[in-house]
Amino acid sequence: MAHGIPESDWRIFRDLRELALDRFCERVLDEVARLSQNPAGTHHERYRQLYRIVRERDEELARAFDDPRRSRMLWQLAAIYRHGLLELEEFARFTAETREAIESLAKELNW
């Protein structure tokens, strides 16, 4: 399927990938800040929660953003889409076929 991806969609993906990555990181940093400032629990308990969250988010980041290649684009876009990292008008820039593939793949992701 990677060979059937229009060049225009590949260019859009490359443009939007950095924006989506920045949004993802901003969300994680906000989540970490909220948790670290929560007075509930001991410092050690909060540290363990932070460590767990950062590990989980790092795995999510890797699935969505690491090693961007045309052959992985649809799966990465599905992960980005599932995380809600694209605005509607950004998502609408892709061809209808690519949007349908992304929506379908996003439903298959079970993490």
N, C-alpha and C. Protein backbone atom coordinates (compact mmCIF):
# COMPACT_ATOMS: atom_id res chain seq x y z
N MET A 1 0.82 -1.19 0.00
CA MET A 1 0.00 0.00 0.00
C MET A 1 0.87 1.26 0.00
N ALA A 2 2.07 1.15 0.52
CA ALA A 2 2.93 2.33 0.60
C ALA A 2 3.20 2.93 -0.78
N HIS A 3 3.28 2.08 -1.79
CA HIS A 3 3.56 2.59 -3.13
C HIS A 3 2.35 3.32 -3.71
N GLY A 4 1.16 3.06 -3.17
CA GLY A 4 -0.04 3.72 -3.64
C GLY A 4 -0.32 5.04 -2.95
N ILE A 5 0.54 5.45 -2.07
CA ILE A 5 0.35 6.72 -1.35
C ILE A 5 0.74 7.87 -2.27
N PRO A 6 -0.19 8.78 -2.49
CA PRO A 6 0.14 9.91 -3.36
C PRO A 6 1.28 10.76 -2.78
N GLU A 7 2.08 11.29 -3.66
CA GLU A 7 3.19 12.15 -3.25
C GLU A 7 2.69 13.33 -2.42
N SER A 8 1.52 13.85 -2.77
CA SER A 8 0.98 14.99 -2.03
C SER A 8 0.71 14.61 -0.57
N ASP A 9 0.20 13.39 -0.34
CA ASP A 9 -0.05 12.95 1.04
C ASP A 9 1.26 12.75 1.81
N TRP A 10 2.27 12.26 1.14
CA TRP A 10 3.58 12.09 1.77
C TRP A 10 4.14 13.44 2.20
N ARG A 11 4.01 14.45 1.34
CA ARG A 11 4.50 15.80 1.68
C ARG A 11 3.70 16.38 2.85
N ILE A 12 2.40 16.18 2.85
CA ILE A 12 1.56 16.67 3.95
C ILE A 12 1.97 15.99 5.25
N PHE A 13 2.16 14.69 5.20
CA PHE A 13 2.59 13.94 6.38
C PHE A 13 3.90 14.51 6.93
N ARG A 14 4.86 14.74 6.06
CA ARG A 14 6.15 15.26 6.53
C ARG A 14 5.97 16.63 7.18
N ASP A 15 5.10 17.45 6.62
CA ASP A 15 4.85 18.78 7.20
C ASP A 15 4.15 18.69 8.55
N LEU A 16 3.12 17.88 8.63
CA LEU A 16 2.30 17.82 9.84
C LEU A 16 2.92 16.97 10.95
N ARG A 17 3.82 16.08 10.60
CA ARG A 17 4.44 15.20 11.59
C ARG A 17 5.12 15.99 12.70
N GLU A 18 5.88 16.99 12.34
CA GLU A 18 6.60 17.79 13.34
C GLU A 18 5.63 18.55 14.24
N LEU A 19 4.58 19.07 13.66
CA LEU A 19 3.57 19.77 14.44
C LEU A 19 2.88 18.82 15.42
N ALA A 20 2.53 17.63 14.94
CA ALA A 20 1.88 16.64 15.80
C ALA A 20 2.83 16.17 16.90
N LEU A 21 4.10 16.01 16.58
CA LEU A 21 5.10 15.61 17.58
C LEU A 21 5.21 16.66 18.67
N ASP A 22 5.23 17.92 18.28
CA ASP A 22 5.30 18.99 19.26
C ASP A 22 4.06 19.00 20.16
N ARG A 23 2.90 18.78 19.57
CA ARG A 23 1.67 18.72 20.37
C ARG A 23 1.69 17.54 21.34
N PHE A 24 2.18 16.40 20.88
CA PHE A 24 2.27 15.24 21.74
C PHE A 24 3.16 15.53 22.94
N CYS A 25 4.33 16.08 22.67
CA CYS A 25 5.28 16.38 23.74
C CYS A 25 4.72 17.42 24.71
N GLU A 26 4.02 18.41 24.19
CA GLU A 26 3.40 19.40 25.06
C GLU A 26 2.40 18.75 26.01
N ARG A 27 1.60 17.83 25.49
CA ARG A 27 0.63 17.13 26.33
C ARG A 27 1.32 16.31 27.43
N VAL A 28 2.37 15.62 27.05
CA VAL A 28 3.09 14.81 28.03
C VAL A 28 3.71 15.70 29.10
N LEU A 29 4.32 16.78 28.70
CA LEU A 29 4.92 17.70 29.68
C LEU A 29 3.86 18.28 30.60
N ASP A 30 2.69 18.62 30.07
CA ASP A 30 1.59 19.11 30.92
C ASP A 30 1.14 18.03 31.90
N GLU A 31 1.03 16.81 31.41
CA GLU A 31 0.62 15.70 32.27
C GLU A 31 1.63 15.47 33.39
N VAL A 32 2.90 15.50 33.05
CA VAL A 32 3.96 15.31 34.04
C VAL A 32 3.95 16.46 35.06
N ALA A 33 3.76 17.68 34.60
CA ALA A 33 3.73 18.83 35.52
C ALA A 33 2.58 18.70 36.50
N ARG A 34 1.40 18.33 36.01
CA ARG A 34 0.24 18.17 36.90
C ARG A 34 0.50 17.09 37.95
N LEU A 35 1.05 15.97 37.49
CA LEU A 35 1.31 14.87 38.42
C LEU A 35 2.38 15.24 39.43
N SER A 36 3.42 15.91 38.99
CA SER A 36 4.50 16.24 39.91
C SER A 36 4.07 17.26 40.96
N GLN A 37 3.08 18.07 40.64
CA GLN A 37 2.59 19.08 41.58
C GLN A 37 1.46 18.58 42.48
N ASN A 38 0.99 17.37 42.22
CA ASN A 38 -0.10 16.80 43.02
C ASN A 38 0.44 16.46 44.42
N PRO A 39 -0.14 17.04 45.47
CA PRO A 39 0.37 16.79 46.82
C PRO A 39 0.00 15.41 47.38
N ALA A 40 -0.85 14.68 46.69
CA ALA A 40 -1.26 13.36 47.19
C ALA A 40 -0.10 12.37 47.06
N GLY A 41 0.09 11.58 48.07
CA GLY A 41 1.12 10.56 48.05
C GLY A 41 2.49 11.09 48.40
N THR A 42 3.40 10.17 48.57
CA THR A 42 4.77 10.54 48.90
C THR A 42 5.52 10.95 47.63
N HIS A 43 6.67 11.53 47.83
CA HIS A 43 7.51 11.89 46.69
C HIS A 43 7.87 10.63 45.89
N HIS A 44 8.14 9.56 46.60
CA HIS A 44 8.51 8.33 45.93
C HIS A 44 7.34 7.79 45.10
N GLU A 45 6.13 7.86 45.62
CA GLU A 45 4.96 7.39 44.87
C GLU A 45 4.76 8.23 43.60
N ARG A 46 4.93 9.54 43.73
CA ARG A 46 4.79 10.40 42.56
C ARG A 46 5.89 10.12 41.55
N TYR A 47 7.09 9.89 42.04
CA TYR A 47 8.20 9.57 41.15
C TYR A 47 7.88 8.30 40.35
N ARG A 48 7.39 7.28 41.04
CA ARG A 48 7.06 6.01 40.36
C ARG A 48 5.97 6.23 39.32
N GLN A 49 4.97 7.05 39.64
CA GLN A 49 3.91 7.35 38.67
C GLN A 49 4.48 8.09 37.46
N LEU A 50 5.34 9.06 37.74
CA LEU A 50 5.97 9.81 36.64
C LEU A 50 6.79 8.89 35.74
N TYR A 51 7.55 8.02 36.36
CA TYR A 51 8.39 7.10 35.61
C TYR A 51 7.52 6.22 34.71
N ARG A 52 6.42 5.70 35.26
CA ARG A 52 5.52 4.84 34.49
C ARG A 52 4.91 5.61 33.33
N ILE A 53 4.44 6.81 33.59
CA ILE A 53 3.81 7.61 32.54
C ILE A 53 4.81 7.94 31.43
N VAL A 54 6.01 8.34 31.80
CA VAL A 54 7.01 8.69 30.80
C VAL A 54 7.36 7.46 29.95
N ARG A 55 7.48 6.31 30.57
CA ARG A 55 7.75 5.08 29.79
C ARG A 55 6.61 4.79 28.83
N GLU A 56 5.37 4.87 29.31
CA GLU A 56 4.22 4.61 28.45
C GLU A 56 4.14 5.62 27.30
N ARG A 57 4.34 6.87 27.60
CA ARG A 57 4.26 7.91 26.57
C ARG A 57 5.41 7.77 25.57
N ASP A 58 6.56 7.32 26.05
CA ASP A 58 7.68 7.12 25.15
C ASP A 58 7.37 6.00 24.14
N GLU A 59 6.71 4.96 24.58
CA GLU A 59 6.30 3.89 23.67
C GLU A 59 5.29 4.41 22.65
N GLU A 60 4.35 5.23 23.11
CA GLU A 60 3.36 5.81 22.21
C GLU A 60 4.05 6.73 21.19
N LEU A 61 4.99 7.52 21.66
CA LEU A 61 5.74 8.42 20.79
C LEU A 61 6.49 7.62 19.73
N ALA A 62 7.11 6.54 20.13
CA ALA A 62 7.88 5.73 19.18
C ALA A 62 6.97 5.17 18.09
N ARG A 63 5.80 4.66 18.47
CA ARG A 63 4.88 4.09 17.47
C ARG A 63 4.42 5.15 16.46
N ALA A 64 4.20 6.34 16.94
CA ALA A 64 3.64 7.38 16.07
C ALA A 64 4.69 8.17 15.30
N PHE A 65 5.91 8.25 15.80
CA PHE A 65 6.85 9.21 15.21
C PHE A 65 8.22 8.66 14.82
N ASP A 66 8.67 7.57 15.40
CA ASP A 66 10.02 7.10 15.11
C ASP A 66 10.13 6.53 13.69
N ASP A 67 11.26 6.79 13.07
CA ASP A 67 11.61 6.24 11.76
C ASP A 67 10.52 6.48 10.71
N PRO A 68 10.21 7.74 10.44
CA PRO A 68 9.15 8.02 9.47
C PRO A 68 9.58 7.63 8.05
N ARG A 69 8.87 6.69 7.50
CA ARG A 69 9.10 6.25 6.13
C ARG A 69 7.76 6.17 5.42
N ARG A 70 7.81 6.24 4.15
CA ARG A 70 6.57 6.16 3.37
C ARG A 70 5.83 4.86 3.65
N SER A 71 6.57 3.77 3.83
CA SER A 71 5.95 2.47 4.08
C SER A 71 5.26 2.40 5.44
N ARG A 72 5.61 3.27 6.36
CA ARG A 72 5.02 3.29 7.70
C ARG A 72 4.05 4.45 7.90
N MET A 73 3.92 5.28 6.89
CA MET A 73 3.17 6.52 7.03
C MET A 73 1.73 6.29 7.50
N LEU A 74 1.01 5.37 6.90
CA LEU A 74 -0.40 5.19 7.27
C LEU A 74 -0.54 4.74 8.72
N TRP A 75 0.31 3.82 9.17
CA TRP A 75 0.24 3.37 10.56
C TRP A 75 0.60 4.51 11.52
N GLN A 76 1.60 5.28 11.16
CA GLN A 76 1.98 6.40 12.02
C GLN A 76 0.89 7.46 12.03
N LEU A 77 0.31 7.73 10.88
CA LEU A 77 -0.79 8.69 10.85
C LEU A 77 -2.00 8.20 11.64
N ALA A 78 -2.25 6.90 11.59
CA ALA A 78 -3.35 6.33 12.37
C ALA A 78 -3.11 6.56 13.86
N ALA A 79 -1.87 6.38 14.30
CA ALA A 79 -1.54 6.62 15.71
C ALA A 79 -1.67 8.10 16.05
N ILE A 80 -1.19 8.96 15.18
CA ILE A 80 -1.30 10.40 15.39
C ILE A 80 -2.77 10.81 15.44
N TYR A 81 -3.55 10.28 14.53
CA TYR A 81 -4.99 10.56 14.47
C TYR A 81 -5.69 10.07 15.74
N ARG A 82 -5.34 8.87 16.17
CA ARG A 82 -5.98 8.30 17.36
C ARG A 82 -5.66 9.12 18.62
N HIS A 83 -4.50 9.71 18.66
CA HIS A 83 -4.13 10.57 19.79
C HIS A 83 -4.76 11.96 19.69
N GLY A 84 -5.46 12.22 18.61
CA GLY A 84 -6.11 13.52 18.45
C GLY A 84 -5.13 14.66 18.23
N LEU A 85 -4.06 14.39 17.52
CA LEU A 85 -3.00 15.38 17.36
C LEU A 85 -3.12 16.20 16.08
N LEU A 86 -4.15 15.95 15.30
CA LEU A 86 -4.38 16.72 14.08
C LEU A 86 -5.70 17.47 14.19
N GLU A 87 -5.69 18.72 13.77
CA GLU A 87 -6.92 19.50 13.68
C GLU A 87 -7.71 18.99 12.47
N LEU A 88 -9.01 19.23 12.47
CA LEU A 88 -9.87 18.75 11.38
C LEU A 88 -9.40 19.26 10.02
N GLU A 89 -9.04 20.53 9.96
CA GLU A 89 -8.61 21.08 8.67
C GLU A 89 -7.26 20.51 8.24
N GLU A 90 -6.43 20.13 9.18
CA GLU A 90 -5.15 19.48 8.84
C GLU A 90 -5.41 18.09 8.28
N PHE A 91 -6.28 17.34 8.94
CA PHE A 91 -6.63 16.00 8.49
C PHE A 91 -7.28 16.05 7.11
N ALA A 92 -8.07 17.07 6.86
CA ALA A 92 -8.79 17.21 5.59
C ALA A 92 -7.85 17.47 4.42
N ARG A 93 -6.61 17.81 4.68
CA ARG A 93 -5.64 18.06 3.60
C ARG A 93 -5.27 16.78 2.86
N PHE A 94 -5.41 15.63 3.53
CA PHE A 94 -5.07 14.36 2.90
C PHE A 94 -6.17 13.98 1.90
N THR A 95 -5.81 13.13 0.95
CA THR A 95 -6.81 12.65 -0.01
C THR A 95 -7.86 11.82 0.72
N ALA A 96 -9.03 11.71 0.13
CA ALA A 96 -10.12 10.95 0.74
C ALA A 96 -9.70 9.51 1.00
N GLU A 97 -8.98 8.91 0.06
CA GLU A 97 -8.53 7.52 0.21
C GLU A 97 -7.60 7.37 1.42
N THR A 98 -6.70 8.29 1.58
CA THR A 98 -5.77 8.24 2.72
C THR A 98 -6.52 8.46 4.03
N ARG A 99 -7.44 9.40 4.04
CA ARG A 99 -8.23 9.65 5.26
C ARG A 99 -9.01 8.40 5.66
N GLU A 100 -9.62 7.73 4.70
CA GLU A 100 -10.38 6.51 4.99
C GLU A 100 -9.46 5.42 5.54
N ALA A 101 -8.29 5.28 4.96
CA ALA A 101 -7.32 4.27 5.43
C ALA A 101 -6.88 4.58 6.85
N ILE A 102 -6.62 5.85 7.14
CA ILE A 102 -6.18 6.25 8.48
C ILE A 102 -7.28 5.96 9.51
N GLU A 103 -8.50 6.34 9.20
CA GLU A 103 -9.61 6.09 10.12
C GLU A 103 -9.80 4.61 10.37
N SER A 104 -9.70 3.81 9.33
CA SER A 104 -9.84 2.36 9.46
C SER A 104 -8.72 1.76 10.32
N LEU A 105 -7.50 2.16 10.04
CA LEU A 105 -6.36 1.65 10.81
C LEU A 105 -6.43 2.09 12.27
N ALA A 106 -6.87 3.31 12.50
CA ALA A 106 -6.96 3.83 13.88
C ALA A 106 -7.90 2.98 14.71
N LYS A 107 -8.95 2.44 14.10
CA LYS A 107 -9.89 1.57 14.81
C LYS A 107 -9.25 0.25 15.19
N GLU A 108 -8.27 -0.19 14.41
CA GLU A 108 -7.59 -1.46 14.66
C GLU A 108 -6.55 -1.37 15.77
N LEU A 109 -6.06 -0.17 16.03
CA LEU A 109 -5.03 -0.02 17.06
C LEU A 109 -5.64 -0.35 18.42
N ASN A 110 -5.00 -1.22 19.15
CA ASN A 110 -5.54 -1.65 20.44
C ASN A 110 -4.58 -1.36 21.59
N TRP A 111 -4.08 -0.14 21.62
CA TRP A 111 -3.25 0.29 22.74
C TRP A 111 -3.72 1.58 23.24
